[in-house]
Amino acid sequence: CEAGDIWRMSRAKDIPIKDWIRLAFERG
């Protein structure tokens, strides 16, 4: 990176991801 750049980390946990998938198919 260069000076002034904006660096970030994002996260997504496994249990919420699995629940999201469940919700999608249930709504479908």
mmCIF file of all heavy atoms, coordinates in Angstrom:
data_MODEL
# 
_entry.id   MODEL 
# 
loop_
_atom_site.group_PDB 
_atom_site.id 
_atom_site.type_symbol 
_atom_site.label_atom_id 
_atom_site.label_alt_id 
_atom_site.label_comp_id 
_atom_site.label_asym_id 
_atom_site.label_entity_id 
_atom_site.label_seq_id 
_atom_site.pdbx_PDB_ins_code 
_atom_site.Cartn_x 
_atom_site.Cartn_y 
_atom_site.Cartn_z 
_atom_site.occupancy 
_atom_site.B_iso_or_equiv 
_atom_site.pdbx_formal_charge 
_atom_site.auth_seq_id 
_atom_site.auth_comp_id 
_atom_site.auth_asym_id 
_atom_site.auth_atom_id 
_atom_site.pdbx_PDB_model_num 
ATOM 1   N N   . CYS A 1 1  ? 0.824   -1.204  0.000  1.00 0.00 ? 1  CYS A N   1 
ATOM 2   C CA  . CYS A 1 1  ? 0.000   0.000   0.000  1.00 0.00 ? 1  CYS A CA  1 
ATOM 3   C C   . CYS A 1 1  ? 0.859   1.256   0.000  1.00 0.00 ? 1  CYS A C   1 
ATOM 4   O O   . CYS A 1 1  ? 2.044   1.216   0.329  1.00 0.00 ? 1  CYS A O   1 
ATOM 5   C CB  . CYS A 1 1  ? -0.920  0.017   1.230  1.00 0.00 ? 1  CYS A CB  1 
ATOM 6   S SG  . CYS A 1 1  ? -2.033  -1.401  1.340  1.00 0.00 ? 1  CYS A SG  1 
ATOM 7   N N   . GLU A 1 2  ? 0.204   2.373   -0.339 1.00 0.00 ? 2  GLU A N   1 
ATOM 8   C CA  . GLU A 1 2  ? 0.848   3.677   -0.328 1.00 0.00 ? 2  GLU A CA  1 
ATOM 9   C C   . GLU A 1 2  ? 0.301   4.509   0.830  1.00 0.00 ? 2  GLU A C   1 
ATOM 10  O O   . GLU A 1 2  ? -0.762  4.197   1.389  1.00 0.00 ? 2  GLU A O   1 
ATOM 11  C CB  . GLU A 1 2  ? 0.616   4.409   -1.654 1.00 0.00 ? 2  GLU A CB  1 
ATOM 12  C CG  . GLU A 1 2  ? 1.178   3.697   -2.876 1.00 0.00 ? 2  GLU A CG  1 
ATOM 13  C CD  . GLU A 1 2  ? 2.679   3.518   -2.811 1.00 0.00 ? 2  GLU A CD  1 
ATOM 14  O OE1 . GLU A 1 2  ? 3.370   4.435   -2.303 1.00 0.00 ? 2  GLU A OE1 1 
ATOM 15  O OE2 . GLU A 1 2  ? 3.176   2.451   -3.250 1.00 0.00 ? 2  GLU A OE2 1 
ATOM 16  N N   . ALA A 1 3  ? 1.011   5.572   1.158  1.00 0.00 ? 3  ALA A N   1 
ATOM 17  C CA  . ALA A 1 3  ? 0.553   6.469   2.225  1.00 0.00 ? 3  ALA A CA  1 
ATOM 18  C C   . ALA A 1 3  ? -0.818  7.027   1.879  1.00 0.00 ? 3  ALA A C   1 
ATOM 19  O O   . ALA A 1 3  ? -1.065  7.447   0.746  1.00 0.00 ? 3  ALA A O   1 
ATOM 20  C CB  . ALA A 1 3  ? 1.544   7.614   2.407  1.00 0.00 ? 3  ALA A CB  1 
ATOM 21  N N   . GLY A 1 4  ? -1.711  7.003   2.875  1.00 0.00 ? 4  GLY A N   1 
ATOM 22  C CA  . GLY A 1 4  ? -3.058  7.523   2.682  1.00 0.00 ? 4  GLY A CA  1 
ATOM 23  C C   . GLY A 1 4  ? -4.070  6.499   2.229  1.00 0.00 ? 4  GLY A C   1 
ATOM 24  O O   . GLY A 1 4  ? -5.284  6.763   2.252  1.00 0.00 ? 4  GLY A O   1 
ATOM 25  N N   . ASP A 1 5  ? -3.607  5.312   1.799  1.00 0.00 ? 5  ASP A N   1 
ATOM 26  C CA  . ASP A 1 5  ? -4.552  4.274   1.372  1.00 0.00 ? 5  ASP A CA  1 
ATOM 27  C C   . ASP A 1 5  ? -5.441  3.852   2.541  1.00 0.00 ? 5  ASP A C   1 
ATOM 28  O O   . ASP A 1 5  ? -5.047  3.940   3.713  1.00 0.00 ? 5  ASP A O   1 
ATOM 29  C CB  . ASP A 1 5  ? -3.806  3.054   0.833  1.00 0.00 ? 5  ASP A CB  1 
ATOM 30  C CG  . ASP A 1 5  ? -3.189  3.299   -0.542 1.00 0.00 ? 5  ASP A CG  1 
ATOM 31  O OD1 . ASP A 1 5  ? -3.450  4.374   -1.117 1.00 0.00 ? 5  ASP A OD1 1 
ATOM 32  O OD2 . ASP A 1 5  ? -2.447  2.426   -1.028 1.00 0.00 ? 5  ASP A OD2 1 
ATOM 33  N N   . ILE A 1 6  ? -6.632  3.378   2.213  1.00 0.00 ? 6  ILE A N   1 
ATOM 34  C CA  . ILE A 1 6  ? -7.605  2.936   3.223  1.00 0.00 ? 6  ILE A CA  1 
ATOM 35  C C   . ILE A 1 6  ? -7.660  1.419   3.186  1.00 0.00 ? 6  ILE A C   1 
ATOM 36  O O   . ILE A 1 6  ? -8.118  0.835   2.193  1.00 0.00 ? 6  ILE A O   1 
ATOM 37  C CB  . ILE A 1 6  ? -9.001  3.529   2.947  1.00 0.00 ? 6  ILE A CB  1 
ATOM 38  C CG1 . ILE A 1 6  ? -8.923  5.054   2.773  1.00 0.00 ? 6  ILE A CG1 1 
ATOM 39  C CG2 . ILE A 1 6  ? -9.974  3.165   4.073  1.00 0.00 ? 6  ILE A CG2 1 
ATOM 40  C CD1 . ILE A 1 6  ? -10.169 5.650   2.101  1.00 0.00 ? 6  ILE A CD1 1 
ATOM 41  N N   . TRP A 1 7  ? -7.179  0.772   4.235  1.00 0.00 ? 7  TRP A N   1 
ATOM 42  C CA  . TRP A 1 7  ? -7.172  -0.695  4.305  1.00 0.00 ? 7  TRP A CA  1 
ATOM 43  C C   . TRP A 1 7  ? -8.244  -1.157  5.279  1.00 0.00 ? 7  TRP A C   1 
ATOM 44  O O   . TRP A 1 7  ? -8.465  -0.534  6.320  1.00 0.00 ? 7  TRP A O   1 
ATOM 45  C CB  . TRP A 1 7  ? -5.801  -1.201  4.772  1.00 0.00 ? 7  TRP A CB  1 
ATOM 46  C CG  . TRP A 1 7  ? -5.654  -2.691  4.621  1.00 0.00 ? 7  TRP A CG  1 
ATOM 47  C CD1 . TRP A 1 7  ? -5.110  -3.351  3.565  1.00 0.00 ? 7  TRP A CD1 1 
ATOM 48  C CD2 . TRP A 1 7  ? -6.078  -3.707  5.543  1.00 0.00 ? 7  TRP A CD2 1 
ATOM 49  N NE1 . TRP A 1 7  ? -5.164  -4.714  3.761  1.00 0.00 ? 7  TRP A NE1 1 
ATOM 50  C CE2 . TRP A 1 7  ? -5.764  -4.964  4.968  1.00 0.00 ? 7  TRP A CE2 1 
ATOM 51  C CE3 . TRP A 1 7  ? -6.708  -3.683  6.793  1.00 0.00 ? 7  TRP A CE3 1 
ATOM 52  C CZ2 . TRP A 1 7  ? -6.036  -6.166  5.609  1.00 0.00 ? 7  TRP A CZ2 1 
ATOM 53  C CZ3 . TRP A 1 7  ? -6.990  -4.892  7.430  1.00 0.00 ? 7  TRP A CZ3 1 
ATOM 54  C CH2 . TRP A 1 7  ? -6.653  -6.115  6.840  1.00 0.00 ? 7  TRP A CH2 1 
ATOM 55  N N   . ARG A 1 8  ? -8.910  -2.265  4.941  1.00 0.00 ? 8  ARG A N   1 
ATOM 56  C CA  . ARG A 1 8  ? -9.913  -2.784  5.878  1.00 0.00 ? 8  ARG A CA  1 
ATOM 57  C C   . ARG A 1 8  ? -10.012 -4.303  5.802  1.00 0.00 ? 8  ARG A C   1 
ATOM 58  O O   . ARG A 1 8  ? -9.696  -4.919  4.781  1.00 0.00 ? 8  ARG A O   1 
ATOM 59  C CB  . ARG A 1 8  ? -11.282 -2.165  5.611  1.00 0.00 ? 8  ARG A CB  1 
ATOM 60  C CG  . ARG A 1 8  ? -11.981 -2.661  4.372  1.00 0.00 ? 8  ARG A CG  1 
ATOM 61  C CD  . ARG A 1 8  ? -13.392 -2.090  4.275  1.00 0.00 ? 8  ARG A CD  1 
ATOM 62  N NE  . ARG A 1 8  ? -14.060 -2.523  3.057  1.00 0.00 ? 8  ARG A NE  1 
ATOM 63  C CZ  . ARG A 1 8  ? -14.805 -1.741  2.283  1.00 0.00 ? 8  ARG A CZ  1 
ATOM 64  N NH1 . ARG A 1 8  ? -14.978 -0.466  2.585  1.00 0.00 ? 8  ARG A NH1 1 
ATOM 65  N NH2 . ARG A 1 8  ? -15.384 -2.217  1.201  1.00 0.00 ? 8  ARG A NH2 1 
ATOM 66  N N   . MET A 1 9  ? -10.469 -4.860  6.916  1.00 0.00 ? 9  MET A N   1 
ATOM 67  C CA  . MET A 1 9  ? -10.837 -6.275  6.970  1.00 0.00 ? 9  MET A CA  1 
ATOM 68  C C   . MET A 1 9  ? -12.318 -6.382  7.280  1.00 0.00 ? 9  MET A C   1 
ATOM 69  O O   . MET A 1 9  ? -12.842 -5.688  8.157  1.00 0.00 ? 9  MET A O   1 
ATOM 70  C CB  . MET A 1 9  ? -10.049 -7.025  8.044  1.00 0.00 ? 9  MET A CB  1 
ATOM 71  C CG  . MET A 1 9  ? -10.559 -8.458  8.274  1.00 0.00 ? 9  MET A CG  1 
ATOM 72  S SD  . MET A 1 9  ? -9.655  -9.371  9.534  1.00 0.00 ? 9  MET A SD  1 
ATOM 73  C CE  . MET A 1 9  ? -8.222  -9.864  8.565  1.00 0.00 ? 9  MET A CE  1 
ATOM 74  N N   . SER A 1 10 ? -13.004 -7.264  6.536  1.00 0.00 ? 10 SER A N   1 
ATOM 75  C CA  . SER A 1 10 ? -14.401 -7.596  6.811  1.00 0.00 ? 10 SER A CA  1 
ATOM 76  C C   . SER A 1 10 ? -14.489 -9.063  7.182  1.00 0.00 ? 10 SER A C   1 
ATOM 77  O O   . SER A 1 10 ? -13.623 -9.862  6.807  1.00 0.00 ? 10 SER A O   1 
ATOM 78  C CB  . SER A 1 10 ? -15.270 -7.319  5.579  1.00 0.00 ? 10 SER A CB  1 
ATOM 79  O OG  . SER A 1 10 ? -15.142 -5.986  5.161  1.00 0.00 ? 10 SER A OG  1 
ATOM 80  N N   . ARG A 1 11 ? -15.569 -9.400  7.908  1.00 0.00 ? 11 ARG A N   1 
ATOM 81  C CA  . ARG A 1 11 ? -15.705 -10.763 8.413  1.00 0.00 ? 11 ARG A CA  1 
ATOM 82  C C   . ARG A 1 11 ? -17.139 -11.267 8.202  1.00 0.00 ? 11 ARG A C   1 
ATOM 83  O O   . ARG A 1 11 ? -18.090 -10.487 8.237  1.00 0.00 ? 11 ARG A O   1 
ATOM 84  C CB  . ARG A 1 11 ? -15.369 -10.817 9.907  1.00 0.00 ? 11 ARG A CB  1 
ATOM 85  C CG  . ARG A 1 11 ? -14.031 -10.207 10.252 1.00 0.00 ? 11 ARG A CG  1 
ATOM 86  C CD  . ARG A 1 11 ? -13.840 -9.989  11.744 1.00 0.00 ? 11 ARG A CD  1 
ATOM 87  N NE  . ARG A 1 11 ? -13.821 -11.236 12.507 1.00 0.00 ? 11 ARG A NE  1 
ATOM 88  C CZ  . ARG A 1 11 ? -13.684 -11.304 13.820 1.00 0.00 ? 11 ARG A CZ  1 
ATOM 89  N NH1 . ARG A 1 11 ? -13.546 -10.188 14.526 1.00 0.00 ? 11 ARG A NH1 1 
ATOM 90  N NH2 . ARG A 1 11 ? -13.675 -12.465 14.445 1.00 0.00 ? 11 ARG A NH2 1 
ATOM 91  N N   . ALA A 1 12 ? -17.270 -12.576 8.000  1.00 0.00 ? 12 ALA A N   1 
ATOM 92  C CA  . ALA A 1 12 ? -18.592 -13.211 7.957  1.00 0.00 ? 12 ALA A CA  1 
ATOM 93  C C   . ALA A 1 12 ? -18.461 -14.589 8.606  1.00 0.00 ? 12 ALA A C   1 
ATOM 94  O O   . ALA A 1 12 ? -17.657 -15.413 8.165  1.00 0.00 ? 12 ALA A O   1 
ATOM 95  C CB  . ALA A 1 12 ? -19.100 -13.336 6.529  1.00 0.00 ? 12 ALA A CB  1 
ATOM 96  N N   . LYS A 1 13 ? -19.253 -14.797 9.663  1.00 0.00 ? 13 LYS A N   1 
ATOM 97  C CA  . LYS A 1 13 ? -19.119 -16.017 10.457 1.00 0.00 ? 13 LYS A CA  1 
ATOM 98  C C   . LYS A 1 13 ? -19.979 -17.140 9.881  1.00 0.00 ? 13 LYS A C   1 
ATOM 99  O O   . LYS A 1 13 ? -20.998 -16.916 9.237  1.00 0.00 ? 13 LYS A O   1 
ATOM 100 C CB  . LYS A 1 13 ? -19.484 -15.729 11.913 1.00 0.00 ? 13 LYS A CB  1 
ATOM 101 C CG  . LYS A 1 13 ? -18.546 -14.704 12.565 1.00 0.00 ? 13 LYS A CG  1 
ATOM 102 C CD  . LYS A 1 13 ? -18.952 -14.390 13.991 1.00 0.00 ? 13 LYS A CD  1 
ATOM 103 C CE  . LYS A 1 13 ? -17.953 -13.441 14.649 1.00 0.00 ? 13 LYS A CE  1 
ATOM 104 N NZ  . LYS A 1 13 ? -17.914 -12.117 14.010 1.00 0.00 ? 13 LYS A NZ  1 
ATOM 105 N N   . ASP A 1 14 ? -19.571 -18.353 10.166 1.00 0.00 ? 14 ASP A N   1 
ATOM 106 C CA  . ASP A 1 14 ? -20.170 -19.532 9.537  1.00 0.00 ? 14 ASP A CA  1 
ATOM 107 C C   . ASP A 1 14 ? -21.626 -19.742 9.936  1.00 0.00 ? 14 ASP A C   1 
ATOM 108 O O   . ASP A 1 14 ? -22.474 -20.043 9.082  1.00 0.00 ? 14 ASP A O   1 
ATOM 109 C CB  . ASP A 1 14 ? -19.342 -20.775 9.891  1.00 0.00 ? 14 ASP A CB  1 
ATOM 110 C CG  . ASP A 1 14 ? -19.746 -21.983 9.063  1.00 0.00 ? 14 ASP A CG  1 
ATOM 111 O OD1 . ASP A 1 14 ? -19.683 -21.898 7.828  1.00 0.00 ? 14 ASP A OD1 1 
ATOM 112 O OD2 . ASP A 1 14 ? -20.144 -23.009 9.650  1.00 0.00 ? 14 ASP A OD2 1 
ATOM 113 N N   . ILE A 1 15 ? -21.952 -19.603 11.227 1.00 0.00 ? 15 ILE A N   1 
ATOM 114 C CA  . ILE A 1 15 ? -23.335 -19.855 11.672 1.00 0.00 ? 15 ILE A CA  1 
ATOM 115 C C   . ILE A 1 15 ? -24.314 -18.878 11.021 1.00 0.00 ? 15 ILE A C   1 
ATOM 116 O O   . ILE A 1 15 ? -25.363 -19.304 10.501 1.00 0.00 ? 15 ILE A O   1 
ATOM 117 C CB  . ILE A 1 15 ? -23.429 -19.815 13.211 1.00 0.00 ? 15 ILE A CB  1 
ATOM 118 C CG1 . ILE A 1 15 ? -22.703 -21.030 13.812 1.00 0.00 ? 15 ILE A CG1 1 
ATOM 119 C CG2 . ILE A 1 15 ? -24.874 -19.777 13.680 1.00 0.00 ? 15 ILE A CG2 1 
ATOM 120 C CD1 . ILE A 1 15 ? -22.599 -21.013 15.330 1.00 0.00 ? 15 ILE A CD1 1 
ATOM 121 N N   . PRO A 1 16 ? -24.042 -17.574 10.999 1.00 0.00 ? 16 PRO A N   1 
ATOM 122 C CA  . PRO A 1 16 ? -24.939 -16.667 10.277 1.00 0.00 ? 16 PRO A CA  1 
ATOM 123 C C   . PRO A 1 16 ? -25.045 -16.969 8.782  1.00 0.00 ? 16 PRO A C   1 
ATOM 124 O O   . PRO A 1 16 ? -26.127 -16.838 8.201  1.00 0.00 ? 16 PRO A O   1 
ATOM 125 C CB  . PRO A 1 16 ? -24.300 -15.290 10.510 1.00 0.00 ? 16 PRO A CB  1 
ATOM 126 C CG  . PRO A 1 16 ? -23.549 -15.425 11.786 1.00 0.00 ? 16 PRO A CG  1 
ATOM 127 C CD  . PRO A 1 16 ? -23.022 -16.829 11.762 1.00 0.00 ? 16 PRO A CD  1 
ATOM 128 N N   . ILE A 1 17 ? -23.930 -17.384 8.160  1.00 0.00 ? 17 ILE A N   1 
ATOM 129 C CA  . ILE A 1 17 ? -23.980 -17.705 6.730  1.00 0.00 ? 17 ILE A CA  1 
ATOM 130 C C   . ILE A 1 17 ? -24.919 -18.877 6.486  1.00 0.00 ? 17 ILE A C   1 
ATOM 131 O O   . ILE A 1 17 ? -25.760 -18.850 5.571  1.00 0.00 ? 17 ILE A O   1 
ATOM 132 C CB  . ILE A 1 17 ? -22.561 -18.020 6.189  1.00 0.00 ? 17 ILE A CB  1 
ATOM 133 C CG1 . ILE A 1 17 ? -21.681 -16.773 6.221  1.00 0.00 ? 17 ILE A CG1 1 
ATOM 134 C CG2 . ILE A 1 17 ? -22.642 -18.573 4.766  1.00 0.00 ? 17 ILE A CG2 1 
ATOM 135 C CD1 . ILE A 1 17 ? -20.211 -17.040 5.920  1.00 0.00 ? 17 ILE A CD1 1 
ATOM 136 N N   . LYS A 1 18 ? -24.814 -19.906 7.295  1.00 0.00 ? 18 LYS A N   1 
ATOM 137 C CA  . LYS A 1 18 ? -25.675 -21.078 7.127  1.00 0.00 ? 18 LYS A CA  1 
ATOM 138 C C   . LYS A 1 18 ? -27.142 -20.712 7.361  1.00 0.00 ? 18 LYS A C   1 
ATOM 139 O O   . LYS A 1 18 ? -28.040 -21.168 6.637  1.00 0.00 ? 18 LYS A O   1 
ATOM 140 C CB  . LYS A 1 18 ? -25.240 -22.190 8.087  1.00 0.00 ? 18 LYS A CB  1 
ATOM 141 C CG  . LYS A 1 18 ? -25.980 -23.505 7.866  1.00 0.00 ? 18 LYS A CG  1 
ATOM 142 C CD  . LYS A 1 18 ? -25.408 -24.617 8.741  1.00 0.00 ? 18 LYS A CD  1 
ATOM 143 C CE  . LYS A 1 18 ? -26.128 -25.939 8.476  1.00 0.00 ? 18 LYS A CE  1 
ATOM 144 N NZ  . LYS A 1 18 ? -25.578 -27.032 9.326  1.00 0.00 ? 18 LYS A NZ  1 
ATOM 145 N N   . ASP A 1 19 ? -27.400 -19.866 8.346  1.00 0.00 ? 19 ASP A N   1 
ATOM 146 C CA  . ASP A 1 19 ? -28.766 -19.420 8.618  1.00 0.00 ? 19 ASP A CA  1 
ATOM 147 C C   . ASP A 1 19 ? -29.315 -18.602 7.449  1.00 0.00 ? 19 ASP A C   1 
ATOM 148 O O   . ASP A 1 19 ? -30.495 -18.716 7.098  1.00 0.00 ? 19 ASP A O   1 
ATOM 149 C CB  . ASP A 1 19 ? -28.782 -18.584 9.900  1.00 0.00 ? 19 ASP A CB  1 
ATOM 150 C CG  . ASP A 1 19 ? -30.168 -18.073 10.242 1.00 0.00 ? 19 ASP A CG  1 
ATOM 151 O OD1 . ASP A 1 19 ? -31.001 -18.882 10.689 1.00 0.00 ? 19 ASP A OD1 1 
ATOM 152 O OD2 . ASP A 1 19 ? -30.421 -16.859 10.041 1.00 0.00 ? 19 ASP A OD2 1 
ATOM 153 N N   . TRP A 1 20 ? -28.478 -17.783 6.846  1.00 0.00 ? 20 TRP A N   1 
ATOM 154 C CA  . TRP A 1 20 ? -28.843 -16.979 5.669  1.00 0.00 ? 20 TRP A CA  1 
ATOM 155 C C   . TRP A 1 20 ? -29.250 -17.884 4.507  1.00 0.00 ? 20 TRP A C   1 
ATOM 156 O O   . TRP A 1 20 ? -30.257 -17.632 3.832  1.00 0.00 ? 20 TRP A O   1 
ATOM 157 C CB  . TRP A 1 20 ? -27.632 -16.111 5.334  1.00 0.00 ? 20 TRP A CB  1 
ATOM 158 C CG  . TRP A 1 20 ? -27.600 -15.351 4.056  1.00 0.00 ? 20 TRP A CG  1 
ATOM 159 C CD1 . TRP A 1 20 ? -28.374 -14.291 3.696  1.00 0.00 ? 20 TRP A CD1 1 
ATOM 160 C CD2 . TRP A 1 20 ? -26.665 -15.551 2.988  1.00 0.00 ? 20 TRP A CD2 1 
ATOM 161 N NE1 . TRP A 1 20 ? -27.977 -13.816 2.467  1.00 0.00 ? 20 TRP A NE1 1 
ATOM 162 C CE2 . TRP A 1 20 ? -26.927 -14.565 2.013  1.00 0.00 ? 20 TRP A CE2 1 
ATOM 163 C CE3 . TRP A 1 20 ? -25.618 -16.449 2.762  1.00 0.00 ? 20 TRP A CE3 1 
ATOM 164 C CZ2 . TRP A 1 20 ? -26.192 -14.472 0.818  1.00 0.00 ? 20 TRP A CZ2 1 
ATOM 165 C CZ3 . TRP A 1 20 ? -24.882 -16.346 1.590  1.00 0.00 ? 20 TRP A CZ3 1 
ATOM 166 C CH2 . TRP A 1 20 ? -25.175 -15.379 0.631  1.00 0.00 ? 20 TRP A CH2 1 
ATOM 167 N N   . ILE A 1 21 ? -28.502 -18.934 4.298  1.00 0.00 ? 21 ILE A N   1 
ATOM 168 C CA  . ILE A 1 21 ? -28.813 -19.898 3.239  1.00 0.00 ? 21 ILE A CA  1 
ATOM 169 C C   . ILE A 1 21 ? -30.154 -20.569 3.526  1.00 0.00 ? 21 ILE A C   1 
ATOM 170 O O   . ILE A 1 21 ? -31.008 -20.730 2.631  1.00 0.00 ? 21 ILE A O   1 
ATOM 171 C CB  . ILE A 1 21 ? -27.688 -20.940 3.112  1.00 0.00 ? 21 ILE A CB  1 
ATOM 172 C CG1 . ILE A 1 21 ? -26.371 -20.252 2.714  1.00 0.00 ? 21 ILE A CG1 1 
ATOM 173 C CG2 . ILE A 1 21 ? -28.048 -22.027 2.115  1.00 0.00 ? 21 ILE A CG2 1 
ATOM 174 C CD1 . ILE A 1 21 ? -25.134 -21.118 2.913  1.00 0.00 ? 21 ILE A CD1 1 
ATOM 175 N N   . ARG A 1 22 ? -30.366 -20.960 4.788  1.00 0.00 ? 22 ARG A N   1 
ATOM 176 C CA  . ARG A 1 22 ? -31.647 -21.570 5.189  1.00 0.00 ? 22 ARG A CA  1 
ATOM 177 C C   . ARG A 1 22 ? -32.812 -20.631 4.909  1.00 0.00 ? 22 ARG A C   1 
ATOM 178 O O   . ARG A 1 22 ? -33.828 -21.039 4.325  1.00 0.00 ? 22 ARG A O   1 
ATOM 179 C CB  . ARG A 1 22 ? -31.610 -21.916 6.673  1.00 0.00 ? 22 ARG A CB  1 
ATOM 180 C CG  . ARG A 1 22 ? -32.949 -22.421 7.233  1.00 0.00 ? 22 ARG A CG  1 
ATOM 181 C CD  . ARG A 1 22 ? -32.935 -22.524 8.751  1.00 0.00 ? 22 ARG A CD  1 
ATOM 182 N NE  . ARG A 1 22 ? -32.776 -21.229 9.404  1.00 0.00 ? 22 ARG A NE  1 
ATOM 183 C CZ  . ARG A 1 22 ? -33.785 -20.366 9.593  1.00 0.00 ? 22 ARG A CZ  1 
ATOM 184 N NH1 . ARG A 1 22 ? -35.006 -20.645 9.159  1.00 0.00 ? 22 ARG A NH1 1 
ATOM 185 N NH2 . ARG A 1 22 ? -33.561 -19.219 10.213 1.00 0.00 ? 22 ARG A NH2 1 
ATOM 186 N N   . LEU A 1 23 ? -32.679 -19.386 5.330  1.00 0.00 ? 23 LEU A N   1 
ATOM 187 C CA  . LEU A 1 23 ? -33.751 -18.409 5.119  1.00 0.00 ? 23 LEU A CA  1 
ATOM 188 C C   . LEU A 1 23 ? -34.083 -18.248 3.643  1.00 0.00 ? 23 LEU A C   1 
ATOM 189 O O   . LEU A 1 23 ? -35.250 -18.138 3.256  1.00 0.00 ? 23 LEU A O   1 
ATOM 190 C CB  . LEU A 1 23 ? -33.338 -17.049 5.692  1.00 0.00 ? 23 LEU A CB  1 
ATOM 191 C CG  . LEU A 1 23 ? -33.613 -16.755 7.156  1.00 0.00 ? 23 LEU A CG  1 
ATOM 192 C CD1 . LEU A 1 23 ? -33.056 -15.370 7.500  1.00 0.00 ? 23 LEU A CD1 1 
ATOM 193 C CD2 . LEU A 1 23 ? -35.106 -16.807 7.455  1.00 0.00 ? 23 LEU A CD2 1 
ATOM 194 N N   . ALA A 1 24 ? -33.047 -18.226 2.813  1.00 0.00 ? 24 ALA A N   1 
ATOM 195 C CA  . ALA A 1 24 ? -33.244 -18.041 1.373  1.00 0.00 ? 24 ALA A CA  1 
ATOM 196 C C   . ALA A 1 24 ? -34.091 -19.160 0.785  1.00 0.00 ? 24 ALA A C   1 
ATOM 197 O O   . ALA A 1 24 ? -35.052 -18.909 0.031  1.00 0.00 ? 24 ALA A O   1 
ATOM 198 C CB  . ALA A 1 24 ? -31.892 -17.964 0.670  1.00 0.00 ? 24 ALA A CB  1 
ATOM 199 N N   . PHE A 1 25 ? -33.761 -20.395 1.139  1.00 0.00 ? 25 PHE A N   1 
ATOM 200 C CA  . PHE A 1 25 ? -34.495 -21.524 0.568  1.00 0.00 ? 25 PHE A CA  1 
ATOM 201 C C   . PHE A 1 25 ? -35.898 -21.652 1.172  1.00 0.00 ? 25 PHE A C   1 
ATOM 202 O O   . PHE A 1 25 ? -36.852 -22.041 0.480  1.00 0.00 ? 25 PHE A O   1 
ATOM 203 C CB  . PHE A 1 25 ? -33.692 -22.810 0.727  1.00 0.00 ? 25 PHE A CB  1 
ATOM 204 C CG  . PHE A 1 25 ? -32.414 -22.822 -0.077 1.00 0.00 ? 25 PHE A CG  1 
ATOM 205 C CD1 . PHE A 1 25 ? -31.233 -23.316 0.465  1.00 0.00 ? 25 PHE A CD1 1 
ATOM 206 C CD2 . PHE A 1 25 ? -32.381 -22.311 -1.363 1.00 0.00 ? 25 PHE A CD2 1 
ATOM 207 C CE1 . PHE A 1 25 ? -30.059 -23.323 -0.267 1.00 0.00 ? 25 PHE A CE1 1 
ATOM 208 C CE2 . PHE A 1 25 ? -31.207 -22.307 -2.110 1.00 0.00 ? 25 PHE A CE2 1 
ATOM 209 C CZ  . PHE A 1 25 ? -30.040 -22.811 -1.564 1.00 0.00 ? 25 PHE A CZ  1 
ATOM 210 N N   . GLU A 1 26 ? -36.033 -21.304 2.445  1.00 0.00 ? 26 GLU A N   1 
ATOM 211 C CA  . GLU A 1 26 ? -37.370 -21.322 3.050  1.00 0.00 ? 26 GLU A CA  1 
ATOM 212 C C   . GLU A 1 26 ? -38.281 -20.295 2.388  1.00 0.00 ? 26 GLU A C   1 
ATOM 213 O O   . GLU A 1 26 ? -39.445 -20.573 2.098  1.00 0.00 ? 26 GLU A O   1 
ATOM 214 C CB  . GLU A 1 26 ? -37.273 -21.052 4.556  1.00 0.00 ? 26 GLU A CB  1 
ATOM 215 C CG  . GLU A 1 26 ? -36.760 -22.233 5.351  1.00 0.00 ? 26 GLU A CG  1 
ATOM 216 C CD  . GLU A 1 26 ? -36.785 -21.981 6.854  1.00 0.00 ? 26 GLU A CD  1 
ATOM 217 O OE1 . GLU A 1 26 ? -37.232 -20.886 7.280  1.00 0.00 ? 26 GLU A OE1 1 
ATOM 218 O OE2 . GLU A 1 26 ? -36.343 -22.874 7.606  1.00 0.00 ? 26 GLU A OE2 1 
ATOM 219 N N   . ARG A 1 27 ? -37.756 -19.092 2.150  1.00 0.00 ? 27 ARG A N   1 
ATOM 220 C CA  . ARG A 1 27 ? -38.551 -18.066 1.481  1.00 0.00 ? 27 ARG A CA  1 
ATOM 221 C C   . ARG A 1 27 ? -38.871 -18.488 0.052  1.00 0.00 ? 27 ARG A C   1 
ATOM 222 O O   . ARG A 1 27 ? -39.969 -18.269 -0.451 1.00 0.00 ? 27 ARG A O   1 
ATOM 223 C CB  . ARG A 1 27 ? -37.791 -16.723 1.510  1.00 0.00 ? 27 ARG A CB  1 
ATOM 224 C CG  . ARG A 1 27 ? -38.451 -15.537 0.807  1.00 0.00 ? 27 ARG A CG  1 
ATOM 225 C CD  . ARG A 1 27 ? -39.867 -15.270 1.207  1.00 0.00 ? 27 ARG A CD  1 
ATOM 226 N NE  . ARG A 1 27 ? -40.081 -15.191 2.646  1.00 0.00 ? 27 ARG A NE  1 
ATOM 227 C CZ  . ARG A 1 27 ? -41.294 -15.142 3.213  1.00 0.00 ? 27 ARG A CZ  1 
ATOM 228 N NH1 . ARG A 1 27 ? -42.381 -15.159 2.453  1.00 0.00 ? 27 ARG A NH1 1 
ATOM 229 N NH2 . ARG A 1 27 ? -41.413 -15.085 4.523  1.00 0.00 ? 27 ARG A NH2 1 
ATOM 230 N N   . GLY A 1 28 ? -37.901 -19.143 -0.607 1.00 0.00 ? 28 GLY A N   1 
ATOM 231 C CA  . GLY A 1 28 ? -38.140 -19.639 -1.960 1.00 0.00 ? 28 GLY A CA  1 
ATOM 232 C C   . GLY A 1 28 ? -39.267 -20.653 -2.012 1.00 0.00 ? 28 GLY A C   1 
ATOM 233 O O   . GLY A 1 28 ? -40.111 -20.620 -2.921 1.00 0.00 ? 28 GLY A O   1 
# 
